Amino acid sequence: MKTRANPAHRRLSGLLALRLSLLLEKLRRPALPHKPPPALVREQAEVRAPLRLDLPYYPAKQGTAHVLVPWDPYMQEVEEALRSL
């Protein structure tokens, strides 16, 4: 005596076969290295203003390079605060 598969059972077995084939296809492909997520804030190089002859500058080390930093009122306050320590 043969039993017929009902349509719901056939549809379920078809979906299972499709899902298994997709899984095997995914396993067959080589895994690609993941890219890091995009940075929300990216480091930007400091904007370089042209040097002016009417401002005093002092040398400072930035990473491995030396830069000239303009001497402004803020730097004057910093120097005074450091002297008072």
C-alpha atoms as a PDB file:
ATOM      1  CA  MET A   1       0.000   0.000   0.000  1.00  0.00           C
ATOM      2  CA  LYS A   2       1.477   3.317  -1.114  1.00  0.00           C
ATOM      3  CA  THR A   3       0.808   6.531   0.776  1.00  0.00           C
ATOM      4  CA  ARG A   4       0.639   9.802  -1.004  1.00  0.00           C
ATOM      5  CA  ALA A   5       2.408  12.823   0.456  1.00  0.00           C
ATOM      6  CA  ASN A   6       0.010  15.618   1.117  1.00  0.00           C
ATOM      7  CA  PRO A   7       0.711  19.062  -0.489  1.00  0.00           C
ATOM      8  CA  ALA A   8       1.753  20.625   2.829  1.00  0.00           C
ATOM      9  CA  HIS A   9       4.350  17.894   3.370  1.00  0.00           C
ATOM     10  CA  ARG A  10       5.676  18.317  -0.183  1.00  0.00           C
ATOM     11  CA  ARG A  11       5.935  22.082   0.255  1.00  0.00           C
ATOM     12  CA  LEU A  12       7.735  21.660   3.592  1.00  0.00           C
ATOM     13  CA  SER A  13      10.232  19.206   2.130  1.00  0.00           C
ATOM     14  CA  GLY A  14      10.787  21.560  -0.836  1.00  0.00           C
ATOM     15  CA  LEU A  15      11.520  24.466   1.519  1.00  0.00           C
ATOM     16  CA  LEU A  16      13.866  22.287   3.547  1.00  0.00           C
ATOM     17  CA  ALA A  17      15.731  21.245   0.390  1.00  0.00           C
ATOM     18  CA  LEU A  18      16.014  24.898  -0.695  1.00  0.00           C
ATOM     19  CA  ARG A  19      17.299  25.949   2.695  1.00  0.00           C
ATOM     20  CA  LEU A  20      19.867  23.143   2.763  1.00  0.00           C
ATOM     21  CA  SER A  21      21.056  24.023  -0.740  1.00  0.00           C
ATOM     22  CA  LEU A  22      21.506  27.688   0.272  1.00  0.00           C
ATOM     23  CA  LEU A  23      23.428  26.604   3.358  1.00  0.00           C
ATOM     24  CA  LEU A  24      25.706  24.350   1.317  1.00  0.00           C
ATOM     25  CA  GLU A  25      26.284  27.152  -1.203  1.00  0.00           C
ATOM     26  CA  LYS A  26      27.265  29.503   1.602  1.00  0.00           C
ATOM     27  CA  LEU A  27      29.662  26.947   3.080  1.00  0.00           C
ATOM     28  CA  ARG A  28      31.225  26.295  -0.323  1.00  0.00           C
ATOM     29  CA  ARG A  29      32.218  29.952  -0.889  1.00  0.00           C
ATOM     30  CA  PRO A  30      35.442  31.076   0.780  1.00  0.00           C
ATOM     31  CA  ALA A  31      34.937  33.417   3.695  1.00  0.00           C
ATOM     32  CA  LEU A  32      35.846  36.996   2.907  1.00  0.00           C
ATOM     33  CA  PRO A  33      37.684  38.994   5.555  1.00  0.00           C
ATOM     34  CA  HIS A  34      35.396  41.425   7.332  1.00  0.00           C
ATOM     35  CA  LYS A  35      36.032  45.115   6.837  1.00  0.00           C
ATOM     36  CA  PRO A  36      36.097  47.225   9.976  1.00  0.00           C
ATOM     37  CA  PRO A  37      32.991  49.328  10.496  1.00  0.00           C
ATOM     38  CA  PRO A  38      33.216  52.879   9.188  1.00  0.00           C
ATOM     39  CA  ALA A  39      34.564  55.309  11.739  1.00  0.00           C
ATOM     40  CA  LEU A  40      32.066  57.776  13.090  1.00  0.00           C
ATOM     41  CA  VAL A  41      34.798  60.323  13.633  1.00  0.00           C
ATOM     42  CA  ARG A  42      37.820  60.307  11.381  1.00  0.00           C
ATOM     43  CA  GLU A  43      41.111  61.858  12.378  1.00  0.00           C
ATOM     44  CA  GLN A  44      41.883  64.842  10.199  1.00  0.00           C
ATOM     45  CA  ALA A  45      45.220  66.485   9.731  1.00  0.00           C
ATOM     46  CA  GLU A  46      45.509  69.871  11.380  1.00  0.00           C
ATOM     47  CA  VAL A  47      44.828  72.761   9.051  1.00  0.00           C
ATOM     48  CA  ARG A  48      48.092  74.514   8.424  1.00  0.00           C
ATOM     49  CA  ALA A  49      47.781  78.257   8.409  1.00  0.00           C
ATOM     50  CA  PRO A  50      50.509  80.143   6.599  1.00  0.00           C
ATOM     51  CA  LEU A  51      53.237  81.518   8.850  1.00  0.00           C
ATOM     52  CA  ARG A  52      53.017  85.209   9.608  1.00  0.00           C
ATOM     53  CA  LEU A  53      55.985  87.390  10.375  1.00  0.00           C
ATOM     54  CA  ASP A  54      54.129  89.516  12.930  1.00  0.00           C
ATOM     55  CA  LEU A  55      53.439  86.588  15.329  1.00  0.00           C
ATOM     56  CA  PRO A  56      55.940  84.855  17.589  1.00  0.00           C
ATOM     57  CA  TYR A  57      56.149  81.045  17.291  1.00  0.00           C
ATOM     58  CA  TYR A  58      57.617  78.294  19.405  1.00  0.00           C
ATOM     59  CA  PRO A  59      58.731  74.863  18.225  1.00  0.00           C
ATOM     60  CA  ALA A  60      56.771  71.806  19.327  1.00  0.00           C
ATOM     61  CA  LYS A  61      57.012  68.112  18.571  1.00  0.00           C
ATOM     62  CA  GLN A  62      53.993  66.512  16.902  1.00  0.00           C
ATOM     63  CA  GLY A  63      54.480  62.761  16.572  1.00  0.00           C
ATOM     64  CA  THR A  64      57.844  62.424  14.880  1.00  0.00           C
ATOM     65  CA  ALA A  65      57.789  65.847  13.200  1.00  0.00           C
ATOM     66  CA  HIS A  66      58.431  69.322  14.538  1.00  0.00           C
ATOM     67  CA  VAL A  67      55.889  72.083  14.038  1.00  0.00           C
ATOM     68  CA  LEU A  68      55.728  75.790  14.781  1.00  0.00           C
ATOM     69  CA  VAL A  69      52.876  76.809  17.064  1.00  0.00           C
ATOM     70  CA  PRO A  70      51.835  80.473  17.212  1.00  0.00           C
ATOM     71  CA  TRP A  71      52.329  82.201  20.549  1.00  0.00           C
ATOM     72  CA  ASP A  72      48.881  83.497  21.504  1.00  0.00           C
ATOM     73  CA  PRO A  73      47.152  84.641  24.727  1.00  0.00           C
ATOM     74  CA  TYR A  74      46.161  81.053  25.522  1.00  0.00           C
ATOM     75  CA  MET A  75      49.767  79.916  25.385  1.00  0.00           C
ATOM     76  CA  GLN A  76      50.736  82.869  27.586  1.00  0.00           C
ATOM     77  CA  GLU A  77      48.215  81.697  30.219  1.00  0.00           C
ATOM     78  CA  VAL A  78      49.511  78.132  29.983  1.00  0.00           C
ATOM     79  CA  GLU A  79      53.080  79.257  30.472  1.00  0.00           C
ATOM     80  CA  GLU A  80      52.101  81.348  33.509  1.00  0.00           C
ATOM     81  CA  ALA A  81      50.152  78.413  34.997  1.00  0.00           C
ATOM     82  CA  LEU A  82      53.147  76.114  34.522  1.00  0.00           C
ATOM     83  CA  ARG A  83      55.491  78.616  36.155  1.00  0.00           C
ATOM     84  CA  SER A  84      53.215  78.838  39.201  1.00  0.00           C
ATOM     85  CA  LEU A  85      53.410  75.082  39.848  1.00  0.00           C
END
